[in-house]
Amino acid sequence: MREIDHSGGAIKSETLNLIIAICAILISGASFYATYLQAQSAERQVQAMTLPVIQFDHGNYDSDLDLGAISFTLKNAGVGPAIVDGIDLVYKEQRFDGVNAFFRACCES
């Protein structure tokens, strides 16, 4: 005789366990990926917060001495260390090797 299945299309416990296991693996993978993205963003934020920021300023008057004085200032306004390898002094498309030659070309009348 042939056995008749009276389960009415119900899911077997083995199949249900397999579905739950697959869902758990997928959720774990998504959680791992989200954690990875968060750690990557935090690392970028730390790098951005420790970058040096070089500010350049210039002027032609010394308010402390109350007289005309040419000044050029480089300032590290950032958090991290600023390493300056060199500075190019250019005036009217001419490059100068030293500060004195640059000042003579730009500022002597």
PDB file of N, CA and C in Angstrom:
ATOM      1  N   MET A   1       0.802  -1.172   0.000  1.00  0.00           N
ATOM      2  CA  MET A   1       0.000   0.000   0.000  1.00  0.00           C
ATOM      3  C   MET A   1       0.856   1.251   0.000  1.00  0.00           C
ATOM      4  N   ARG A   2       0.299   2.220  -0.492  1.00  0.00           N
ATOM      5  CA  ARG A   2       0.985   3.506  -0.612  1.00  0.00           C
ATOM      6  C   ARG A   2       0.610   4.401   0.551  1.00  0.00           C
ATOM      7  N   GLU A   3       1.674   5.093   1.123  1.00  0.00           N
ATOM      8  CA  GLU A   3       1.405   5.987   2.244  1.00  0.00           C
ATOM      9  C   GLU A   3       0.911   7.325   1.741  1.00  0.00           C
ATOM     10  N   ILE A   4      -0.025   7.872   2.425  1.00  0.00           N
ATOM     11  CA  ILE A   4      -0.588   9.172   2.062  1.00  0.00           C
ATOM     12  C   ILE A   4      -0.039  10.217   3.038  1.00  0.00           C
ATOM     13  N   ASP A   5       0.440  11.347   2.464  1.00  0.00           N
ATOM     14  CA  ASP A   5       0.995  12.442   3.285  1.00  0.00           C
ATOM     15  C   ASP A   5      -0.161  13.321   3.757  1.00  0.00           C
ATOM     16  N   HIS A   6      -0.359  13.357   5.057  1.00  0.00           N
ATOM     17  CA  HIS A   6      -1.441  14.137   5.638  1.00  0.00           C
ATOM     18  C   HIS A   6      -0.947  15.468   6.223  1.00  0.00           C
ATOM     19  N   SER A   7       0.265  15.893   5.885  1.00  0.00           N
ATOM     20  CA  SER A   7       0.825  17.109   6.494  1.00  0.00           C
ATOM     21  C   SER A   7       0.181  18.366   5.932  1.00  0.00           C
ATOM     22  N   GLY A   8      -0.450  18.280   4.819  1.00  0.00           N
ATOM     23  CA  GLY A   8      -1.154  19.424   4.254  1.00  0.00           C
ATOM     24  C   GLY A   8      -0.215  20.514   3.758  1.00  0.00           C
ATOM     25  N   GLY A   9       0.969  20.168   3.317  1.00  0.00           N
ATOM     26  CA  GLY A   9       1.916  21.141   2.786  1.00  0.00           C
ATOM     27  C   GLY A   9       2.693  21.862   3.859  1.00  0.00           C
ATOM     28  N   ALA A  10       2.699  21.396   5.080  1.00  0.00           N
ATOM     29  CA  ALA A  10       3.434  22.049   6.163  1.00  0.00           C
ATOM     30  C   ALA A  10       4.931  21.859   5.949  1.00  0.00           C
ATOM     31  N   ILE A  11       5.701  22.834   6.422  1.00  0.00           N
ATOM     32  CA  ILE A  11       7.150  22.782   6.266  1.00  0.00           C
ATOM     33  C   ILE A  11       7.720  21.845   7.327  1.00  0.00           C
ATOM     34  N   LYS A  12       8.591  20.978   6.896  1.00  0.00           N
ATOM     35  CA  LYS A  12       9.221  20.049   7.826  1.00  0.00           C
ATOM     36  C   LYS A  12      10.204  20.807   8.704  1.00  0.00           C
ATOM     37  N   SER A  13      10.490  20.283   9.868  1.00  0.00           N
ATOM     38  CA  SER A  13      11.385  20.957  10.807  1.00  0.00           C
ATOM     39  C   SER A  13      12.800  21.058  10.256  1.00  0.00           C
ATOM     40  N   GLU A  14      13.245  20.108   9.463  1.00  0.00           N
ATOM     41  CA  GLU A  14      14.583  20.166   8.862  1.00  0.00           C
ATOM     42  C   GLU A  14      14.673  21.323   7.873  1.00  0.00           C
ATOM     43  N   THR A  15      13.621  21.507   7.085  1.00  0.00           N
ATOM     44  CA  THR A  15      13.604  22.603   6.117  1.00  0.00           C
ATOM     45  C   THR A  15      13.557  23.948   6.841  1.00  0.00           C
ATOM     46  N   LEU A  16      12.762  24.019   7.892  1.00  0.00           N
ATOM     47  CA  LEU A  16      12.669  25.251   8.678  1.00  0.00           C
ATOM     48  C   LEU A  16      14.018  25.584   9.325  1.00  0.00           C
ATOM     49  N   ASN A  17      14.714  24.597   9.848  1.00  0.00           N
ATOM     50  CA  ASN A  17      16.044  24.812  10.425  1.00  0.00           C
ATOM     51  C   ASN A  17      17.031  25.310   9.369  1.00  0.00           C
ATOM     52  N   LEU A  18      16.955  24.784   8.176  1.00  0.00           N
ATOM     53  CA  LEU A  18      17.833  25.206   7.088  1.00  0.00           C
ATOM     54  C   LEU A  18      17.552  26.670   6.715  1.00  0.00           C
ATOM     55  N   ILE A  19      16.300  27.053   6.630  1.00  0.00           N
ATOM     56  CA  ILE A  19      15.929  28.437   6.301  1.00  0.00           C
ATOM     57  C   ILE A  19      16.425  29.386   7.392  1.00  0.00           C
ATOM     58  N   ILE A  20      16.249  29.011   8.645  1.00  0.00           N
ATOM     59  CA  ILE A  20      16.711  29.843   9.759  1.00  0.00           C
ATOM     60  C   ILE A  20      18.230  29.976   9.732  1.00  0.00           C
ATOM     61  N   ALA A  21      18.940  28.900   9.438  1.00  0.00           N
ATOM     62  CA  ALA A  21      20.405  28.927   9.379  1.00  0.00           C
ATOM     63  C   ALA A  21      20.886  29.840   8.252  1.00  0.00           C
ATOM     64  N   ILE A  22      20.243  29.765   7.107  1.00  0.00           N
ATOM     65  CA  ILE A  22      20.622  30.624   5.966  1.00  0.00           C
ATOM     66  C   ILE A  22      20.356  32.091   6.308  1.00  0.00           C
ATOM     67  N   CYS A  23      19.236  32.380   6.924  1.00  0.00           N
ATOM     68  CA  CYS A  23      18.924  33.759   7.338  1.00  0.00           C
ATOM     69  C   CYS A  23      19.951  34.266   8.343  1.00  0.00           C
ATOM     70  N   ALA A  24      20.354  33.427   9.279  1.00  0.00           N
ATOM     71  CA  ALA A  24      21.354  33.828  10.279  1.00  0.00           C
ATOM     72  C   ALA A  24      22.696  34.133   9.619  1.00  0.00           C
ATOM     73  N   ILE A  25      23.075  33.338   8.631  1.00  0.00           N
ATOM     74  CA  ILE A  25      24.329  33.584   7.900  1.00  0.00           C
ATOM     75  C   ILE A  25      24.248  34.899   7.132  1.00  0.00           C
ATOM     76  N   LEU A  26      23.127  35.154   6.475  1.00  0.00           N
ATOM     77  CA  LEU A  26      22.971  36.399   5.724  1.00  0.00           C
ATOM     78  C   LEU A  26      22.998  37.625   6.646  1.00  0.00           C
ATOM     79  N   ILE A  27      22.323  37.530   7.798  1.00  0.00           N
ATOM     80  CA  ILE A  27      22.313  38.637   8.752  1.00  0.00           C
ATOM     81  C   ILE A  27      23.718  38.863   9.317  1.00  0.00           C
ATOM     82  N   SER A  28      24.445  37.791   9.591  1.00  0.00           N
ATOM     83  CA  SER A  28      25.816  37.922  10.095  1.00  0.00           C
ATOM     84  C   SER A  28      26.709  38.581   9.055  1.00  0.00           C
ATOM     85  N   GLY A  29      26.561  38.200   7.801  1.00  0.00           N
ATOM     86  CA  GLY A  29      27.349  38.817   6.724  1.00  0.00           C
ATOM     87  C   GLY A  29      27.038  40.297   6.579  1.00  0.00           C
ATOM     88  N   ALA A  30      25.756  40.665   6.639  1.00  0.00           N
ATOM     89  CA  ALA A  30      25.368  42.079   6.540  1.00  0.00           C
ATOM     90  C   ALA A  30      25.887  42.864   7.741  1.00  0.00           C
ATOM     91  N   SER A  31      25.854  42.259   8.919  1.00  0.00           N
ATOM     92  CA  SER A  31      26.369  42.917  10.119  1.00  0.00           C
ATOM     93  C   SER A  31      27.879  43.133  10.014  1.00  0.00           C
ATOM     94  N   PHE A  32      28.595  42.148   9.520  1.00  0.00           N
ATOM     95  CA  PHE A  32      30.040  42.276   9.328  1.00  0.00           C
ATOM     96  C   PHE A  32      30.356  43.394   8.349  1.00  0.00           C
ATOM     97  N   TYR A  33      29.625  43.464   7.250  1.00  0.00           N
ATOM     98  CA  TYR A  33      29.860  44.504   6.236  1.00  0.00           C
ATOM     99  C   TYR A  33      29.572  45.895   6.803  1.00  0.00           C
ATOM    100  N   ALA A  34      28.504  46.035   7.562  1.00  0.00           N
ATOM    101  CA  ALA A  34      28.176  47.330   8.170  1.00  0.00           C
ATOM    102  C   ALA A  34      29.259  47.748   9.169  1.00  0.00           C
ATOM    103  N   THR A  35      29.778  46.813   9.939  1.00  0.00           N
ATOM    104  CA  THR A  35      30.854  47.113  10.886  1.00  0.00           C
ATOM    105  C   THR A  35      32.115  47.529  10.150  1.00  0.00           C
ATOM    106  N   TYR A  36      32.418  46.856   9.055  1.00  0.00           N
ATOM    107  CA  TYR A  36      33.575  47.196   8.232  1.00  0.00           C
ATOM    108  C   TYR A  36      33.453  48.619   7.683  1.00  0.00           C
ATOM    109  N   LEU A  37      32.286  48.976   7.168  1.00  0.00           N
ATOM    110  CA  LEU A  37      32.080  50.333   6.638  1.00  0.00           C
ATOM    111  C   LEU A  37      32.209  51.378   7.740  1.00  0.00           C
ATOM    112  N   GLN A  38      31.694  51.092   8.920  1.00  0.00           N
ATOM    113  CA  GLN A  38      31.783  52.027  10.037  1.00  0.00           C
ATOM    114  C   GLN A  38      33.237  52.220  10.465  1.00  0.00           C
ATOM    115  N   ALA A  39      34.004  51.150  10.527  1.00  0.00           N
ATOM    116  CA  ALA A  39      35.412  51.254  10.914  1.00  0.00           C
ATOM    117  C   ALA A  39      36.200  52.038   9.869  1.00  0.00           C
ATOM    118  N   GLN A  40      35.898  51.834   8.617  1.00  0.00           N
ATOM    119  CA  GLN A  40      36.567  52.560   7.532  1.00  0.00           C
ATOM    120  C   GLN A  40      36.249  54.055   7.616  1.00  0.00           C
ATOM    121  N   SER A  41      35.015  54.396   7.892  1.00  0.00           N
ATOM    122  CA  SER A  41      34.628  55.801   8.038  1.00  0.00           C
ATOM    123  C   SER A  41      35.293  56.444   9.246  1.00  0.00           C
ATOM    124  N   ALA A  42      35.372  55.719  10.339  1.00  0.00           N
ATOM    125  CA  ALA A  42      36.032  56.247  11.538  1.00  0.00           C
ATOM    126  C   ALA A  42      37.510  56.496  11.279  1.00  0.00           C
ATOM    127  N   GLU A  43      38.162  55.608  10.546  1.00  0.00           N
ATOM    128  CA  GLU A  43      39.578  55.798  10.216  1.00  0.00           C
ATOM    129  C   GLU A  43      39.776  57.038   9.357  1.00  0.00           C
ATOM    130  N   ARG A  44      38.914  57.240   8.370  1.00  0.00           N
ATOM    131  CA  ARG A  44      39.002  58.447   7.526  1.00  0.00           C
ATOM    132  C   ARG A  44      38.781  59.708   8.350  1.00  0.00           C
ATOM    133  N   GLN A  45      37.861  59.660   9.303  1.00  0.00           N
ATOM    134  CA  GLN A  45      37.586  60.818  10.142  1.00  0.00           C
ATOM    135  C   GLN A  45      38.793  61.154  11.013  1.00  0.00           C
ATOM    136  N   VAL A  46      39.450  60.146  11.563  1.00  0.00           N
ATOM    137  CA  VAL A  46      40.641  60.381  12.381  1.00  0.00           C
ATOM    138  C   VAL A  46      41.751  60.980  11.520  1.00  0.00           C
ATOM    139  N   GLN A  47      41.927  60.481  10.311  1.00  0.00           N
ATOM    140  CA  GLN A  47      42.944  61.029   9.418  1.00  0.00           C
ATOM    141  C   GLN A  47      42.645  62.479   9.081  1.00  0.00           C
ATOM    142  N   ALA A  48      41.393  62.799   8.828  1.00  0.00           N
ATOM    143  CA  ALA A  48      41.019  64.168   8.481  1.00  0.00           C
ATOM    144  C   ALA A  48      41.213  65.114   9.660  1.00  0.00           C
ATOM    145  N   MET A  49      41.003  64.618  10.862  1.00  0.00           N
ATOM    146  CA  MET A  49      41.129  65.470  12.035  1.00  0.00           C
ATOM    147  C   MET A  49      42.585  65.721  12.417  1.00  0.00           C
ATOM    148  N   THR A  50      43.519  64.927  11.889  1.00  0.00           N
ATOM    149  CA  THR A  50      44.929  65.090  12.239  1.00  0.00           C
ATOM    150  C   THR A  50      45.760  65.618  11.082  1.00  0.00           C
ATOM    151  N   LEU A  51      45.125  66.178  10.075  1.00  0.00           N
ATOM    152  CA  LEU A  51      45.855  66.720   8.940  1.00  0.00           C
ATOM    153  C   LEU A  51      46.414  68.102   9.258  1.00  0.00           C
ATOM    154  N   PRO A  52      47.608  68.399   8.739  1.00  0.00           N
ATOM    155  CA  PRO A  52      48.109  69.765   8.872  1.00  0.00           C
ATOM    156  C   PRO A  52      47.370  70.689   7.907  1.00  0.00           C
ATOM    157  N   VAL A  53      47.204  71.928   8.298  1.00  0.00           N
ATOM    158  CA  VAL A  53      46.576  72.930   7.435  1.00  0.00           C
ATOM    159  C   VAL A  53      47.532  74.119   7.393  1.00  0.00           C
ATOM    160  N   ILE A  54      48.164  74.320   6.252  1.00  0.00           N
ATOM    161  CA  ILE A  54      49.122  75.416   6.110  1.00  0.00           C
ATOM    162  C   ILE A  54      48.361  76.662   5.665  1.00  0.00           C
ATOM    163  N   GLN A  55      48.523  77.740   6.439  1.00  0.00           N
ATOM    164  CA  GLN A  55      47.911  79.019   6.090  1.00  0.00           C
ATOM    165  C   GLN A  55      49.018  79.997   5.713  1.00  0.00           C
ATOM    166  N   PHE A  56      48.794  80.727   4.635  1.00  0.00           N
ATOM    167  CA  PHE A  56      49.745  81.726   4.166  1.00  0.00           C
ATOM    168  C   PHE A  56      49.145  83.104   4.381  1.00  0.00           C
ATOM    169  N   ASP A  57      49.946  83.999   4.918  1.00  0.00           N
ATOM    170  CA  ASP A  57      49.499  85.366   5.143  1.00  0.00           C
ATOM    171  C   ASP A  57      50.609  86.314   4.712  1.00  0.00           C
ATOM    172  N   HIS A  58      50.226  87.503   4.311  1.00  0.00           N
ATOM    173  CA  HIS A  58      51.221  88.503   3.911  1.00  0.00           C
ATOM    174  C   HIS A  58      50.708  89.878   4.311  1.00  0.00           C
ATOM    175  N   GLY A  59      51.621  90.802   4.407  1.00  0.00           N
ATOM    176  CA  GLY A  59      51.235  92.158   4.769  1.00  0.00           C
ATOM    177  C   GLY A  59      52.337  93.145   4.430  1.00  0.00           C
ATOM    178  N   ASN A  60      52.016  94.435   4.539  1.00  0.00           N
ATOM    179  CA  ASN A  60      53.013  95.476   4.267  1.00  0.00           C
ATOM    180  C   ASN A  60      53.059  96.528   5.373  1.00  0.00           C
ATOM    181  N   TYR A  61      52.565  96.154   6.539  1.00  0.00           N
ATOM    182  CA  TYR A  61      52.579  97.101   7.659  1.00  0.00           C
ATOM    183  C   TYR A  61      52.724  96.340   8.963  1.00  0.00           C
ATOM    184  N   ASP A  62      53.608  96.821   9.840  1.00  0.00           N
ATOM    185  CA  ASP A  62      53.800  96.220  11.159  1.00  0.00           C
ATOM    186  C   ASP A  62      53.118  97.114  12.185  1.00  0.00           C
ATOM    187  N   SER A  63      51.987  96.662  12.720  1.00  0.00           N
ATOM    188  CA  SER A  63      51.224  97.483  13.652  1.00  0.00           C
ATOM    189  C   SER A  63      51.932  97.622  15.000  1.00  0.00           C
ATOM    190  N   ASP A  64      52.764  96.655  15.377  1.00  0.00           N
ATOM    191  CA  ASP A  64      53.506  96.754  16.636  1.00  0.00           C
ATOM    192  C   ASP A  64      54.542  97.877  16.576  1.00  0.00           C
ATOM    193  N   LEU A  65      55.232  97.981  15.427  1.00  0.00           N
ATOM    194  CA  LEU A  65      56.253  99.023  15.269  1.00  0.00           C
ATOM    195  C   LEU A  65      55.693 100.298  14.661  1.00  0.00           C
ATOM    196  N   ASP A  66      54.464 100.231  14.176  1.00  0.00           N
ATOM    197  CA  ASP A  66      53.788 101.374  13.554  1.00  0.00           C
ATOM    198  C   ASP A  66      54.569 101.919  12.357  1.00  0.00           C
ATOM    199  N   LEU A  67      55.009 101.006  11.494  1.00  0.00           N
ATOM    200  CA  LEU A  67      55.698 101.418  10.273  1.00  0.00           C
ATOM    201  C   LEU A  67      55.555 100.347   9.205  1.00  0.00           C
ATOM    202  N   GLY A  68      55.883 100.732   7.983  1.00  0.00           N
ATOM    203  CA  GLY A  68      55.772  99.809   6.866  1.00  0.00           C
ATOM    204  C   GLY A  68      56.804  98.700   6.949  1.00  0.00           C
ATOM    205  N   ALA A  69      56.373  97.484   6.771  1.00  0.00           N
ATOM    206  CA  ALA A  69      57.266  96.322   6.801  1.00  0.00           C
ATOM    207  C   ALA A  69      56.602  95.194   6.026  1.00  0.00           C
ATOM    208  N   ILE A  70      57.339  94.614   5.111  1.00  0.00           N
ATOM    209  CA  ILE A  70      56.800  93.512   4.310  1.00  0.00           C
ATOM    210  C   ILE A  70      56.935  92.224   5.112  1.00  0.00           C
ATOM    211  N   SER A  71      55.861  91.468   5.127  1.00  0.00           N
ATOM    212  CA  SER A  71      55.896  90.204   5.873  1.00  0.00           C
ATOM    213  C   SER A  71      55.173  89.105   5.107  1.00  0.00           C
ATOM    214  N   PHE A  72      55.734  87.919   5.175  1.00  0.00           N
ATOM    215  CA  PHE A  72      55.126  86.702   4.649  1.00  0.00           C
ATOM    216  C   PHE A  72      55.137  85.687   5.781  1.00  0.00           C
ATOM    217  N   THR A  73      54.018  85.062   6.044  1.00  0.00           N
ATOM    218  CA  THR A  73      53.919  84.134   7.159  1.00  0.00           C
ATOM    219  C   THR A  73      53.286  82.823   6.701  1.00  0.00           C
ATOM    220  N   LEU A  74      53.924  81.708   7.068  1.00  0.00           N
ATOM    221  CA  LEU A  74      53.351  80.374   6.907  1.00  0.00           C
ATOM    222  C   LEU A  74      53.061  79.858   8.304  1.00  0.00           C
ATOM    223  N   LYS A  75      51.839  79.358   8.498  1.00  0.00           N
ATOM    224  CA  LYS A  75      51.427  78.904   9.820  1.00  0.00           C
ATOM    225  C   LYS A  75      50.706  77.569   9.695  1.00  0.00           C
ATOM    226  N   ASN A  76      51.032  76.659  10.587  1.00  0.00           N
ATOM    227  CA  ASN A  76      50.318  75.388  10.643  1.00  0.00           C
ATOM    228  C   ASN A  76      49.109  75.568  11.550  1.00  0.00           C
ATOM    229  N   ALA A  77      47.929  75.681  10.952  1.00  0.00           N
ATOM    230  CA  ALA A  77      46.702  75.853  11.717  1.00  0.00           C
ATOM    231  C   ALA A  77      45.991  74.528  11.944  1.00  0.00           C
ATOM    232  N   GLY A  78      46.601  73.426  11.493  1.00  0.00           N
ATOM    233  CA  GLY A  78      45.986  72.115  11.669  1.00  0.00           C
ATOM    234  C   GLY A  78      46.441  71.449  12.950  1.00  0.00           C
ATOM    235  N   VAL A  79      46.059  70.196  13.085  1.00  0.00           N
ATOM    236  CA  VAL A  79      46.371  69.444  14.283  1.00  0.00           C
ATOM    237  C   VAL A  79      47.656  68.644  14.107  1.00  0.00           C
ATOM    238  N   GLY A  80      47.830  68.066  12.938  1.00  0.00           N
ATOM    239  CA  GLY A  80      48.989  67.217  12.696  1.00  0.00           C
ATOM    240  C   GLY A  80      50.220  68.015  12.332  1.00  0.00           C
ATOM    241  N   PRO A  81      51.380  67.338  12.294  1.00  0.00           N
ATOM    242  CA  PRO A  81      52.628  68.021  11.947  1.00  0.00           C
ATOM    243  C   PRO A  81      52.659  68.375  10.458  1.00  0.00           C
ATOM    244  N   ALA A  82      53.206  69.546  10.171  1.00  0.00           N
ATOM    245  CA  ALA A  82      53.345  69.995   8.790  1.00  0.00           C
ATOM    246  C   ALA A  82      54.817  69.946   8.412  1.00  0.00           C
ATOM    247  N   ILE A  83      55.130  69.236   7.364  1.00  0.00           N
ATOM    248  CA  ILE A  83      56.501  69.144   6.889  1.00  0.00           C
ATOM    249  C   ILE A  83      56.560  69.877   5.553  1.00  0.00           C
ATOM    250  N   VAL A  84      57.320  70.968   5.526  1.00  0.00           N
ATOM    251  CA  VAL A  84      57.459  71.764   4.312  1.00  0.00           C
ATOM    252  C   VAL A  84      58.819  71.430   3.714  1.00  0.00           C
ATOM    253  N   ASP A  85      58.825  70.840   2.526  1.00  0.00           N
ATOM    254  CA  ASP A  85      60.073  70.460   1.872  1.00  0.00           C
ATOM    255  C   ASP A  85      60.747  71.649   1.210  1.00  0.00           C
ATOM    256  N   GLY A  86      59.979  72.583   0.720  1.00  0.00           N
ATOM    257  CA  GLY A  86      60.562  73.739   0.053  1.00  0.00           C
ATOM    258  C   GLY A  86      59.481  74.719  -0.358  1.00  0.00           C
ATOM    259  N   ILE A  87      59.936  75.903  -0.723  1.00  0.00           N
ATOM    260  CA  ILE A  87      59.023  76.954  -1.160  1.00  0.00           C
ATOM    261  C   ILE A  87      59.565  77.534  -2.453  1.00  0.00           C
ATOM    262  N   ASP A  88      58.698  77.730  -3.427  1.00  0.00           N
ATOM    263  CA  ASP A  88      59.083  78.376  -4.674  1.00  0.00           C
ATOM    264  C   ASP A  88      58.745  79.858  -4.577  1.00  0.00           C
ATOM    265  N   LEU A  89      59.745  80.683  -4.799  1.00  0.00           N
ATOM    266  CA  LEU A  89      59.543  82.134  -4.801  1.00  0.00           C
ATOM    267  C   LEU A  89      59.458  82.582  -6.258  1.00  0.00           C
ATOM    268  N   VAL A  90      58.269  83.039  -6.661  1.00  0.00           N
ATOM    269  CA  VAL A  90      58.034  83.426  -8.049  1.00  0.00           C
ATOM    270  C   VAL A  90      57.398  84.808  -8.064  1.00  0.00           C
ATOM    271  N   TYR A  91      57.957  85.683  -8.912  1.00  0.00           N
ATOM    272  CA  TYR A  91      57.406  87.026  -9.070  1.00  0.00           C
ATOM    273  C   TYR A  91      57.478  87.389 -10.546  1.00  0.00           C
ATOM    274  N   LYS A  92      56.351  87.759 -11.108  1.00  0.00           N
ATOM    275  CA  LYS A  92      56.240  88.090 -12.534  1.00  0.00           C
ATOM    276  C   LYS A  92      56.856  86.993 -13.405  1.00  0.00           C
ATOM    277  N   GLU A  93      56.455  85.767 -13.111  1.00  0.00           N
ATOM    278  CA  GLU A  93      56.857  84.564 -13.832  1.00  0.00           C
ATOM    279  C   GLU A  93      58.356  84.306 -13.798  1.00  0.00           C
ATOM    280  N   GLN A  94      59.069  84.897 -12.854  1.00  0.00           N
ATOM    281  CA  GLN A  94      60.497  84.656 -12.681  1.00  0.00           C
ATOM    282  C   GLN A  94      60.706  83.974 -11.340  1.00  0.00           C
ATOM    283  N   ARG A  95      61.486  82.907 -11.355  1.00  0.00           N
ATOM    284  CA  ARG A  95      61.761  82.113 -10.156  1.00  0.00           C
ATOM    285  C   ARG A  95      63.038  82.636  -9.495  1.00  0.00           C
ATOM    286  N   PHE A  96      63.016  82.706  -8.159  1.00  0.00           N
ATOM    287  CA  PHE A  96      64.160  83.216  -7.409  1.00  0.00           C
ATOM    288  C   PHE A  96      64.693  82.146  -6.473  1.00  0.00           C
ATOM    289  N   ASP A  97      66.035  82.125  -6.317  1.00  0.00           N
ATOM    290  CA  ASP A  97      66.677  81.117  -5.471  1.00  0.00           C
ATOM    291  C   ASP A  97      66.649  81.482  -3.996  1.00  0.00           C
ATOM    292  N   GLY A  98      66.668  82.768  -3.695  1.00  0.00           N
ATOM    293  CA  GLY A  98      66.717  83.174  -2.297  1.00  0.00           C
ATOM    294  C   GLY A  98      65.728  84.272  -1.979  1.00  0.00           C
ATOM    295  N   VAL A  99      65.508  84.476  -0.697  1.00  0.00           N
ATOM    296  CA  VAL A  99      64.545  85.464  -0.235  1.00  0.00           C
ATOM    297  C   VAL A  99      65.022  86.880  -0.572  1.00  0.00           C
ATOM    298  N   ASN A 100      66.329  87.140  -0.410  1.00  0.00           N
ATOM    299  CA  ASN A 100      66.844  88.477  -0.669  1.00  0.00           C
ATOM    300  C   ASN A 100      66.645  88.891  -2.127  1.00  0.00           C
ATOM    301  N   ALA A 101      66.945  87.998  -3.061  1.00  0.00           N
ATOM    302  CA  ALA A 101      66.749  88.298  -4.480  1.00  0.00           C
ATOM    303  C   ALA A 101      65.270  88.516  -4.784  1.00  0.00           C
ATOM    304  N   PHE A 102      64.415  87.733  -4.154  1.00  0.00           N
ATOM    305  CA  PHE A 102      62.978  87.892  -4.346  1.00  0.00           C
ATOM    306  C   PHE A 102      62.512  89.257  -3.849  1.00  0.00           C
ATOM    307  N   PHE A 103      62.948  89.642  -2.631  1.00  0.00           N
ATOM    308  CA  PHE A 103      62.548  90.950  -2.100  1.00  0.00           C
ATOM    309  C   PHE A 103      63.078  92.113  -2.929  1.00  0.00           C
ATOM    310  N   ARG A 104      64.295  91.985  -3.455  1.00  0.00           N
ATOM    311  CA  ARG A 104      64.825  93.047  -4.311  1.00  0.00           C
ATOM    312  C   ARG A 104      63.980  93.205  -5.568  1.00  0.00           C
ATOM    313  N   ALA A 105      63.552  92.084  -6.154  1.00  0.00           N
ATOM    314  CA  ALA A 105      62.770  92.143  -7.390  1.00  0.00           C
ATOM    315  C   ALA A 105      61.357  92.666  -7.142  1.00  0.00           C
ATOM    316  N   CYS A 106      60.741  92.251  -6.072  1.00  0.00           N
ATOM    317  CA  CYS A 106      59.332  92.601  -5.856  1.00  0.00           C
ATOM    318  C   CYS A 106      59.124  93.906  -5.105  1.00  0.00           C
ATOM    319  N   CYS A 107      60.065  94.256  -4.233  1.00  0.00           N
ATOM    320  CA  CYS A 107      59.709  95.256  -3.241  1.00  0.00           C
ATOM    321  C   CYS A 107      60.570  96.525  -3.237  1.00  0.00           C
ATOM    322  N   GLU A 108      61.742  96.509  -3.892  1.00  0.00           N
ATOM    323  CA  GLU A 108      62.543  97.715  -3.932  1.00  0.00           C
ATOM    324  C   GLU A 108      62.018  98.645  -5.020  1.00  0.00           C
ATOM    325  N   SER A 109      61.948  99.899  -4.747  1.00  0.00           N
ATOM    326  CA  SER A 109      61.447 100.852  -5.728  1.00  0.00           C
ATOM    327  C   SER A 109      62.593 101.639  -6.319  1.00  0.00           C
TER     328      SER A 109
END
